Amino acid sequence: MKKVREKEQKALAGSQQATTRVARRGEPKIGVEEFMSVAERFGLSKSTLKQIRAIVAKEDWGEGPFFANYYSPLKETKVQAFQRAARELFKVKFALGTSSGTGALHSAMVAAGVGPGTEVICPAIGFFATSASVVTSGGVPIFCDVDHSLHMDPKKLEALITPRTVAIAPTHVMGGVCDMDPIMKIARKHKLVVIEDCAQSCGATYKGKPVGTIGDIGIFSIAAYKIVGAGEGGLLISNDKHLFDRANALAECGGLWRPERFALPRYEGEIYCGSNYRMSELEAAVDVVQMRKMPAMIKRFRAVKKNMAKYLKTYREILPQKSNEPQGEIGYLLRFFPETFELGERLVKSLQKAGIACGMRGKNAGPDWHIYSYMYPVMLKTKATEHGCAFHCPHYAAKGGNVEYARGDCPVADDLFDRVININLNQWYSAADCKDLATRMNAVFSSCCTEDKSGAPWL
């Protein structure tokens, strides 16, 4: 297979040269202007850009670069380098770079067998993309309430399982970690696929294992607004070859990833009509560097949160967010629950006055697609087409499915999501910065609350 693959690539490279080598020398399809357009996105000054242009204009660009991951020369592409870095960091057999975390989710759902007449259990708190990918796969999301970690509550999970359930999709929220042991125990008992949504917690660990490697498939959002990423990208990892092949089939238009991409299937179910969620070379060129920086970044975040927790006092009217894995969470947020909304409003105002950036949604907050009750395309069971799948699908009805959604279905999530106070932490805080920030926080807390040395710890 490898020889066939190499022969195919060489033949294509030769055909490219044959069609582009003409007597008259022309401009490359991709050249100086495109390079400068990328350089501008780095925010360099006009004088620096002028110098860069003068240098690159002297280069012989030949036929120009080829930025597709496939049909490239035999050397490792940037996407392949990104995937290799992911395999090495997460210690998994298979890794696939995708165009987005949502694309990775969709691929994972289809790989797990999500389709008409099926259900997937999703957390009540976590971005809408998780439940949306269930629907776009033809399935129906069922929301599980959270506990004081703001993650899926394993105690409420098993009661939601029906004969229609095919998967569980625990989401590691805001740098935190789900309590995976009981979730995996329940999943294995009922023979369900576990898809870990690690979009917000890339690099976190649970009992020494990277999140994304505990379940059957792990997906990540590799994006500018996440821990790792510079633009818009995603990642899917697994140790299960069958599931990975199926995910790859959706992401790679049915089977373009195979050694002989246009051949008949090698086994039943290997190929089917897929989509195109391939990661671009330009995205991967940056993200492979980002991925390698990730361990050091997380180490800094953890040190900052640990230093903060060392100085923070505990109070009767304040409950720190529960941590399912204090040593494994990323630690870019400090979150706590005031006893009442009124107390929360006073604390937020006083903390901001003390120069501490923080926020709380509060009683009258607007919609937010990070909590189930405001995920309107799901809650309203909106039809994408007149046929009404997935909620009004005859396959779903035939299996006894009939879901209704309403605020109040997950009361803990409804309460905590609006009441939690968030303080962003900076990975570059020094020990002195941490002590100063904690001292200012203690001063505010002491003015509004009652110190309680036996209170729940911050970490």
Protein backbone atom coordinates (compact mmCIF):
# COMPACT_ATOMS: atom_id res chain seq x y z
CA MET A 1 0.00 0.00 0.00
CA LYS A 2 2.83 2.37 0.89
CA LYS A 3 4.50 1.80 -2.48
CA VAL A 4 1.23 2.45 -4.28
CA ARG A 5 0.79 5.65 -2.31
CA GLU A 6 4.32 6.86 -3.11
CA LYS A 7 3.91 5.97 -6.79
CA GLU A 8 0.65 7.90 -6.91
CA GLN A 9 2.19 10.97 -5.29
CA LYS A 10 5.22 10.93 -7.60
CA ALA A 11 2.99 10.60 -10.63
CA LEU A 12 0.90 13.55 -9.55
CA ALA A 13 3.95 15.67 -8.75
CA GLY A 14 5.27 14.85 -12.22
CA SER A 15 1.98 15.77 -13.87
CA GLN A 16 1.99 19.09 -12.04
CA GLN A 17 5.46 19.86 -13.35
CA ALA A 18 4.51 18.74 -16.85
CA THR A 19 1.53 21.07 -17.01
CA THR A 20 3.28 24.09 -15.50
CA ARG A 21 6.70 23.99 -17.24
CA VAL A 22 6.16 26.00 -20.38
CA ALA A 23 8.58 27.97 -22.48
CA ARG A 24 7.38 31.36 -21.31
CA ARG A 25 8.20 32.09 -17.69
CA GLY A 26 5.17 33.33 -15.75
CA GLU A 27 4.27 34.32 -12.22
CA PRO A 28 3.64 31.56 -9.65
CA LYS A 29 0.03 31.05 -8.65
CA ILE A 30 0.99 31.74 -5.03
CA GLY A 31 3.87 34.12 -4.51
CA VAL A 32 5.05 37.38 -2.97
CA GLU A 33 1.67 39.08 -2.65
CA GLU A 34 0.15 36.11 -0.86
CA PHE A 35 3.15 35.86 1.45
CA MET A 36 2.86 39.55 2.32
CA SER A 37 -0.86 39.18 2.96
CA VAL A 38 -0.05 36.55 5.59
CA ALA A 39 2.75 38.70 7.04
CA GLU A 40 0.33 41.61 7.46
CA ARG A 41 -1.85 39.47 9.75
CA PHE A 42 1.00 39.43 12.26
CA GLY A 43 0.53 43.16 12.78
CA LEU A 44 4.03 44.15 11.72
CA SER A 45 4.80 47.81 11.09
CA LYS A 46 4.82 49.21 7.55
CA SER A 47 8.59 49.69 7.65
CA THR A 48 9.16 46.06 8.67
CA LEU A 49 6.77 44.81 5.99
CA LYS A 50 8.66 46.87 3.41
CA GLN A 51 11.92 45.21 4.43
CA ILE A 52 10.34 41.75 4.32
CA ARG A 53 8.95 42.43 0.86
CA ALA A 54 12.38 43.52 -0.39
CA ILE A 55 13.89 40.25 0.85
CA VAL A 56 11.25 37.81 -0.40
CA ALA A 57 10.99 39.56 -3.77
CA LYS A 58 14.58 38.44 -4.48
CA GLU A 59 13.62 34.78 -4.07
CA ASP A 60 13.01 32.53 -7.04
CA TRP A 61 9.51 31.28 -6.23
CA GLY A 62 9.53 28.78 -9.07
CA GLU A 63 6.02 27.38 -9.41
CA GLY A 64 5.09 28.59 -5.96
CA PRO A 65 4.08 26.60 -2.88
CA PHE A 66 1.29 24.02 -2.78
CA PHE A 67 -0.76 24.45 0.40
CA ALA A 68 -2.94 21.36 0.25
CA ASN A 69 -2.24 18.57 2.71
CA TYR A 70 -2.87 15.85 0.10
CA TYR A 71 -1.22 15.36 -3.27
CA SER A 72 1.97 16.93 -2.02
CA PRO A 73 5.63 15.95 -2.38
CA LEU A 74 6.67 12.97 -0.29
CA LYS A 75 8.06 15.01 2.57
CA GLU A 76 5.91 15.48 5.68
CA THR A 77 3.28 18.19 5.31
CA LYS A 78 2.50 20.67 8.09
CA VAL A 79 -0.82 18.94 8.75
CA GLN A 80 0.96 15.61 9.08
CA ALA A 81 3.50 17.23 11.40
CA PHE A 82 0.64 18.63 13.51
CA GLN A 83 -0.96 15.20 13.68
CA ARG A 84 2.36 13.61 14.62
CA ALA A 85 2.87 16.18 17.39
CA ALA A 86 -0.62 15.36 18.69
CA ARG A 87 0.06 11.61 18.67
CA GLU A 88 3.28 12.15 20.58
CA LEU A 89 1.85 14.58 23.13
CA PHE A 90 -1.31 12.60 23.84
CA LYS A 91 0.36 9.21 23.36
CA VAL A 92 -2.36 7.92 21.03
CA LYS A 93 -2.27 5.80 17.88
CA PHE A 94 -4.36 8.07 15.68
CA ALA A 95 -4.78 11.84 15.25
CA LEU A 96 -6.63 13.84 12.62
CA GLY A 97 -6.34 17.58 12.08
CA THR A 98 -9.67 19.13 11.07
CA SER A 99 -10.98 22.49 9.94
CA SER A 100 -12.71 23.13 13.28
CA GLY A 101 -13.64 21.54 16.60
CA THR A 102 -17.22 21.30 15.32
CA GLY A 103 -16.00 19.36 12.28
CA ALA A 104 -14.16 16.99 14.62
CA LEU A 105 -17.34 16.59 16.70
CA HIS A 106 -19.48 15.82 13.67
CA SER A 107 -16.94 13.25 12.47
CA ALA A 108 -16.85 11.65 15.93
CA MET A 109 -20.64 11.47 16.21
CA VAL A 110 -21.05 9.74 12.86
CA ALA A 111 -18.18 7.39 13.69
CA ALA A 112 -19.97 6.44 16.92
CA GLY A 113 -23.13 5.50 15.03
CA VAL A 114 -25.19 8.60 15.76
CA GLY A 115 -28.02 8.87 13.27
CA PRO A 116 -31.81 8.90 12.93
CA GLY A 117 -33.50 7.24 15.90
CA THR A 118 -30.52 7.58 18.25
CA GLU A 119 -29.74 9.71 21.30
CA VAL A 120 -26.54 11.11 22.77
CA ILE A 121 -26.26 12.33 26.37
CA CYS A 122 -24.68 15.80 26.50
CA PRO A 123 -23.88 18.04 29.47
CA ALA A 124 -26.22 20.90 30.37
CA ILE A 125 -23.22 23.27 30.39
CA GLY A 126 -20.80 23.36 27.48
CA PHE A 127 -20.83 25.03 24.09
CA PHE A 128 -23.76 24.41 21.74
CA ALA A 129 -21.51 22.69 19.15
CA THR A 130 -21.65 19.42 21.11
CA SER A 131 -25.41 19.03 20.96
CA ALA A 132 -25.57 20.62 17.49
CA SER A 133 -23.25 17.95 16.12
CA VAL A 134 -25.63 15.29 17.45
CA VAL A 135 -28.50 16.90 15.53
CA THR A 136 -26.51 17.38 12.32
CA SER A 137 -25.68 13.67 12.52
CA GLY A 138 -29.39 12.86 12.72
CA GLY A 139 -29.54 12.13 16.45
CA VAL A 140 -31.23 13.73 19.43
CA PRO A 141 -29.30 15.28 22.36
CA ILE A 142 -30.41 14.47 25.89
CA PHE A 143 -29.11 16.90 28.50
CA CYS A 144 -27.57 15.74 31.79
CA ASP A 145 -27.43 18.15 34.72
CA VAL A 146 -24.13 19.21 36.29
CA ASP A 147 -22.75 19.29 39.84
CA HIS A 148 -20.71 22.02 41.54
CA SER A 149 -17.78 21.29 39.24
CA LEU A 150 -20.02 22.61 36.41
CA HIS A 151 -19.38 19.30 34.64
CA MET A 152 -21.72 16.41 33.86
CA ASP A 153 -22.98 14.86 37.10
CA PRO A 154 -22.29 11.10 36.90
CA LYS A 155 -24.99 10.46 39.53
CA LYS A 156 -27.64 11.75 37.12
CA LEU A 157 -26.31 10.03 34.03
CA GLU A 158 -27.58 6.46 34.13
CA ALA A 159 -31.24 7.47 34.52
CA LEU A 160 -31.06 9.19 31.12
CA ILE A 161 -29.95 6.09 29.19
CA THR A 162 -32.58 4.51 26.92
CA PRO A 163 -32.47 1.80 24.23
CA ARG A 164 -31.93 4.69 21.80
CA THR A 165 -28.72 5.91 23.49
CA VAL A 166 -25.56 5.22 21.50
CA ALA A 167 -23.05 7.62 23.05
CA ILE A 168 -22.16 9.91 25.95
CA ALA A 169 -20.39 13.21 25.24
CA PRO A 170 -18.86 14.58 28.45
CA THR A 171 -17.45 18.08 28.01
CA HIS A 172 -14.41 19.33 29.91
CA VAL A 173 -15.49 22.90 30.63
CA MET A 174 -13.38 26.07 30.89
CA GLY A 175 -10.08 24.36 31.65
CA GLY A 176 -11.68 21.92 34.08
CA VAL A 177 -12.02 18.14 33.97
CA CYS A 178 -15.02 15.80 34.08
CA ASP A 179 -15.14 13.01 36.66
CA MET A 180 -14.37 10.37 34.05
CA ASP A 181 -14.12 7.16 36.10
CA PRO A 182 -17.83 6.86 36.95
CA ILE A 183 -18.79 8.09 33.47
CA MET A 184 -16.65 5.39 31.85
CA LYS A 185 -18.00 2.74 34.22
CA ILE A 186 -21.58 3.57 33.22
CA ALA A 187 -20.68 3.74 29.53
CA ARG A 188 -18.99 0.35 29.56
CA LYS A 189 -21.89 -1.19 31.47
CA HIS A 190 -24.29 -0.07 28.74
CA LYS A 191 -21.83 -0.52 25.84
CA LEU A 192 -21.92 3.13 24.84
CA VAL A 193 -19.27 5.09 22.94
CA VAL A 194 -17.70 7.96 24.90
CA ILE A 195 -16.81 11.10 22.94
CA GLU A 196 -14.79 13.50 25.08
CA ASP A 197 -15.31 17.12 24.09
CA CYS A 198 -12.02 18.72 25.14
CA ALA A 199 -12.48 21.95 23.20
CA GLN A 200 -12.03 24.11 26.30
CA SER A 201 -9.44 21.99 28.13
CA CYS A 202 -6.74 20.94 25.69
CA GLY A 203 -3.83 19.58 27.73
CA ALA A 204 -5.74 18.92 30.95
CA THR A 205 -5.34 15.51 32.60
CA TYR A 206 -7.46 13.17 34.70
CA LYS A 207 -5.56 10.87 37.07
CA GLY A 208 -2.47 11.30 34.95
CA LYS A 209 -4.14 10.64 31.59
CA PRO A 210 -4.69 13.44 29.06
CA VAL A 211 -8.34 14.28 28.53
CA GLY A 212 -9.41 12.98 25.16
CA THR A 213 -7.62 9.66 25.71
CA ILE A 214 -9.91 8.28 28.41
CA GLY A 215 -13.01 7.82 26.26
CA ASP A 216 -13.18 6.23 22.81
CA ILE A 217 -12.70 9.46 20.85
CA GLY A 218 -11.37 12.84 21.94
CA ILE A 219 -12.02 16.07 20.07
CA PHE A 220 -10.43 19.49 20.47
CA SER A 221 -11.01 22.99 19.20
CA ILE A 222 -7.63 24.28 18.01
CA ALA A 223 -8.56 27.92 17.65
CA ALA A 224 -7.45 31.47 18.39
CA TYR A 225 -9.84 31.72 21.35
CA LYS A 226 -8.74 28.44 22.92
CA ILE A 227 -5.61 27.34 24.82
CA VAL A 228 -4.00 26.06 21.61
CA GLY A 229 -4.52 27.57 18.17
CA ALA A 230 -4.11 30.68 16.09
CA GLY A 231 -7.07 30.66 13.70
CA GLU A 232 -9.81 28.08 13.25
CA GLY A 233 -8.98 24.39 13.45
CA GLY A 234 -9.73 21.16 15.25
CA LEU A 235 -8.30 17.80 16.26
CA LEU A 236 -9.69 14.29 16.69
CA ILE A 237 -7.74 11.55 18.47
CA SER A 238 -8.40 7.88 19.23
CA ASN A 239 -6.79 4.53 19.92
CA ASP A 240 -9.63 2.66 18.21
CA LYS A 241 -8.79 2.08 14.53
CA HIS A 242 -12.34 1.27 13.48
CA LEU A 243 -13.77 4.42 15.04
CA PHE A 244 -10.90 6.50 13.68
CA ASP A 245 -11.41 5.12 10.16
CA ARG A 246 -15.10 5.98 10.32
CA ALA A 247 -14.39 9.49 11.60
CA ASN A 248 -11.79 9.93 8.88
CA ALA A 249 -14.30 8.84 6.25
CA LEU A 250 -16.64 11.67 7.17
CA ALA A 251 -13.85 14.25 7.42
CA GLU A 252 -12.10 13.13 4.23
CA CYS A 253 -14.99 12.93 1.76
CA GLY A 254 -15.56 9.21 2.23
CA GLY A 255 -12.09 7.74 1.85
CA LEU A 256 -9.45 10.10 0.49
CA TRP A 257 -7.24 9.27 3.47
CA ARG A 258 -6.74 5.64 2.41
CA PRO A 259 -3.50 4.29 0.88
CA GLU A 260 -5.45 3.73 -2.36
CA ARG A 261 -7.99 6.51 -2.03
CA PHE A 262 -10.19 5.56 -4.98
CA ALA A 263 -10.22 1.80 -4.42
CA LEU A 264 -13.14 -0.37 -3.34
CA PRO A 265 -13.66 -0.70 0.45
CA ARG A 266 -11.22 -3.01 2.19
CA TYR A 267 -13.85 -4.01 4.74
CA GLU A 268 -17.57 -3.47 5.25
CA GLY A 269 -18.42 0.09 6.26
CA GLU A 270 -14.97 1.52 5.53
CA ILE A 271 -16.18 4.14 3.07
CA TYR A 272 -19.38 6.14 2.77
CA CYS A 273 -20.41 9.59 1.55
CA GLY A 274 -18.51 12.04 3.71
CA SER A 275 -17.77 15.73 3.88
CA ASN A 276 -14.57 17.80 3.88
CA TYR A 277 -13.23 18.88 7.27
CA ARG A 278 -9.55 18.84 6.31
CA MET A 279 -7.21 21.20 8.11
CA SER A 280 -5.32 23.61 5.84
CA GLU A 281 -1.55 23.73 5.59
CA LEU A 282 -1.43 27.39 6.64
CA GLU A 283 -3.45 26.66 9.78
CA ALA A 284 -1.32 23.62 10.60
CA ALA A 285 1.92 25.54 10.09
CA VAL A 286 1.03 27.71 13.07
CA ASP A 287 -0.82 25.12 15.12
CA VAL A 288 2.01 22.59 15.11
CA VAL A 289 4.11 25.23 16.87
CA GLN A 290 1.21 26.05 19.21
CA MET A 291 0.74 22.38 20.11
CA ARG A 292 4.39 22.03 21.11
CA LYS A 293 4.14 25.15 23.30
CA MET A 294 1.06 23.82 25.10
CA PRO A 295 2.69 21.78 27.94
CA ALA A 296 4.80 24.73 29.12
CA MET A 297 1.82 27.07 28.94
CA ILE A 298 -0.33 24.78 31.05
CA LYS A 299 2.48 24.36 33.57
CA ARG A 300 2.50 28.15 34.03
CA PHE A 301 -1.28 28.35 34.43
CA ARG A 302 -1.27 25.58 37.04
CA ALA A 303 1.50 27.25 39.00
CA VAL A 304 -0.44 30.54 39.04
CA LYS A 305 -3.66 28.94 40.30
CA LYS A 306 -1.76 26.93 42.89
CA ASN A 307 -0.06 30.10 44.15
CA MET A 308 -3.38 31.93 44.28
CA ALA A 309 -5.06 29.13 46.23
CA LYS A 310 -2.23 29.16 48.76
CA TYR A 311 -3.09 32.71 49.84
CA LEU A 312 -6.86 32.79 49.46
CA LYS A 313 -8.92 32.45 52.63
CA THR A 314 -12.18 30.50 52.81
CA TYR A 315 -15.55 32.01 53.66
CA ARG A 316 -18.92 30.75 54.82
CA GLU A 317 -20.85 32.52 52.05
CA ILE A 318 -18.51 31.54 49.19
CA LEU A 319 -18.20 28.10 47.61
CA PRO A 320 -15.23 27.60 45.26
CA GLN A 321 -15.93 25.58 42.14
CA LYS A 322 -15.45 21.88 42.82
CA SER A 323 -12.46 20.36 41.02
CA ASN A 324 -12.63 16.77 39.82
CA GLU A 325 -8.86 16.75 39.32
CA PRO A 326 -7.01 19.60 41.09
CA GLN A 327 -3.63 18.55 39.71
CA GLY A 328 -4.92 18.01 36.18
CA GLU A 329 -7.10 20.99 35.38
CA ILE A 330 -5.55 23.77 33.33
CA GLY A 331 -6.29 26.55 35.79
CA TYR A 332 -6.88 29.60 33.60
CA LEU A 333 -10.03 30.48 35.56
CA LEU A 334 -10.80 30.97 39.22
CA ARG A 335 -14.54 30.35 39.72
CA PHE A 336 -16.73 30.48 42.80
CA PHE A 337 -20.38 30.64 43.80
CA PRO A 338 -21.63 33.40 46.11
CA GLU A 339 -24.44 32.32 48.44
CA THR A 340 -26.94 34.65 46.74
CA PHE A 341 -27.18 36.75 43.59
CA GLU A 342 -27.30 39.87 45.74
CA LEU A 343 -24.02 38.97 47.43
CA GLY A 344 -22.55 38.15 44.03
CA GLU A 345 -23.41 41.58 42.67
CA ARG A 346 -21.75 43.26 45.67
CA LEU A 347 -18.65 41.09 45.32
CA VAL A 348 -18.30 41.73 41.60
CA LYS A 349 -18.64 45.49 42.10
CA SER A 350 -16.10 45.52 44.94
CA LEU A 351 -13.64 43.25 43.13
CA GLN A 352 -13.75 45.42 40.02
CA LYS A 353 -13.23 48.50 42.17
CA ALA A 354 -10.13 46.77 43.59
CA GLY A 355 -8.79 46.36 40.05
CA ILE A 356 -9.73 42.70 39.65
CA ALA A 357 -11.42 41.83 36.34
CA CYS A 358 -14.36 39.53 37.01
CA GLY A 359 -17.98 38.93 36.08
CA MET A 360 -21.22 37.13 36.91
CA ARG A 361 -24.20 36.63 34.61
CA GLY A 362 -26.76 37.36 37.33
CA LYS A 363 -30.51 36.89 37.59
CA ASN A 364 -31.57 38.70 34.44
CA ALA A 365 -28.82 37.63 32.08
CA GLY A 366 -29.49 37.22 28.37
CA PRO A 367 -29.21 34.08 26.24
CA ASP A 368 -25.94 32.18 26.06
CA TRP A 369 -25.36 29.05 23.98
CA HIS A 370 -23.07 27.61 26.65
CA ILE A 371 -26.09 26.36 28.65
CA TYR A 372 -28.77 23.99 27.37
CA SER A 373 -31.77 26.22 28.17
CA TYR A 374 -30.64 28.87 25.66
CA MET A 375 -29.57 26.52 22.88
CA TYR A 376 -32.60 27.57 20.84
CA PRO A 377 -32.02 25.42 17.72
CA VAL A 378 -32.18 22.39 20.04
CA MET A 379 -34.69 23.63 22.63
CA LEU A 380 -37.17 24.69 19.93
CA LYS A 381 -36.52 21.50 17.95
CA THR A 382 -36.06 23.61 14.84
CA LYS A 383 -36.43 21.83 11.50
CA ALA A 384 -33.58 22.27 9.05
CA THR A 385 -35.80 20.87 6.31
CA GLU A 386 -39.50 20.06 5.97
CA HIS A 387 -38.73 16.43 6.76
CA GLY A 388 -38.13 17.34 10.40
CA CYS A 389 -35.17 15.19 11.31
CA ALA A 390 -33.83 14.65 13.87
CA PHE A 391 -36.50 15.53 16.46
CA HIS A 392 -39.53 14.68 14.30
CA CYS A 393 -37.90 11.77 12.51
CA PRO A 394 -40.10 8.69 11.91
CA HIS A 395 -37.14 6.50 12.89
CA TYR A 396 -37.04 8.26 16.26
CA ALA A 397 -40.79 7.96 16.79
CA ALA A 398 -40.73 4.30 15.80
CA LYS A 399 -38.26 3.64 18.61
CA GLY A 400 -40.44 5.42 21.16
CA GLY A 401 -38.53 8.70 21.07
CA ASN A 402 -40.35 11.90 21.99
CA VAL A 403 -38.19 14.53 23.65
CA GLU A 404 -39.36 17.85 25.08
CA TYR A 405 -37.00 20.54 26.39
CA ALA A 406 -37.60 23.33 28.90
CA ARG A 407 -35.68 25.47 31.33
CA GLY A 408 -35.82 23.64 34.64
CA ASP A 409 -34.87 20.27 33.17
CA CYS A 410 -31.40 20.74 34.68
CA PRO A 411 -31.97 22.93 37.77
CA VAL A 412 -28.39 22.83 39.09
CA ALA A 413 -27.06 24.10 35.77
CA ASP A 414 -29.77 26.80 35.65
CA ASP A 415 -28.72 28.06 39.07
CA LEU A 416 -24.94 27.76 38.95
CA PHE A 417 -24.38 29.06 35.43
CA ASP A 418 -25.96 32.40 36.28
CA ARG A 419 -24.50 32.61 39.79
CA VAL A 420 -20.86 31.68 39.20
CA ILE A 421 -18.26 34.46 39.41
CA ASN A 422 -15.33 34.14 37.00
CA ILE A 423 -11.86 35.59 37.45
CA ASN A 424 -9.42 35.13 34.58
CA LEU A 425 -5.87 34.20 35.51
CA ASN A 426 -2.77 35.12 33.52
CA GLN A 427 -0.12 32.47 32.92
CA TRP A 428 2.58 35.14 33.28
CA TYR A 429 1.69 36.17 36.85
CA SER A 430 4.72 36.01 39.14
CA ALA A 431 4.52 34.63 42.68
CA ALA A 432 4.37 38.23 43.89
CA ASP A 433 1.51 38.99 41.48
CA CYS A 434 -0.43 35.99 42.80
CA LYS A 435 0.04 37.04 46.41
CA ASP A 436 -1.01 40.61 45.64
CA LEU A 437 -4.13 39.50 43.74
CA ALA A 438 -5.11 37.07 46.50
CA THR A 439 -4.58 39.74 49.15
CA ARG A 440 -6.90 42.14 47.35
CA MET A 441 -9.49 39.41 46.91
CA ASN A 442 -9.32 38.50 50.61
CA ALA A 443 -9.88 42.14 51.52
CA VAL A 444 -13.04 42.28 49.41
CA PHE A 445 -14.32 38.93 50.66
CA SER A 446 -13.69 39.87 54.29
CA SER A 447 -15.74 43.05 53.88
CA CYS A 448 -18.77 41.11 52.63
CA CYS A 449 -18.44 37.59 54.05
CA THR A 450 -17.59 35.60 57.17
CA GLU A 451 -14.23 33.87 57.24
CA ASP A 452 -14.51 30.14 57.80
CA LYS A 453 -11.23 28.22 58.13
CA SER A 454 -13.07 24.91 57.65
CA GLY A 455 -14.63 26.04 54.37
CA ALA A 456 -14.16 24.29 51.03
CA PRO A 457 -10.61 24.77 49.68
CA TRP A 458 -9.96 26.80 46.55
CA LEU A 459 -7.98 24.00 44.95
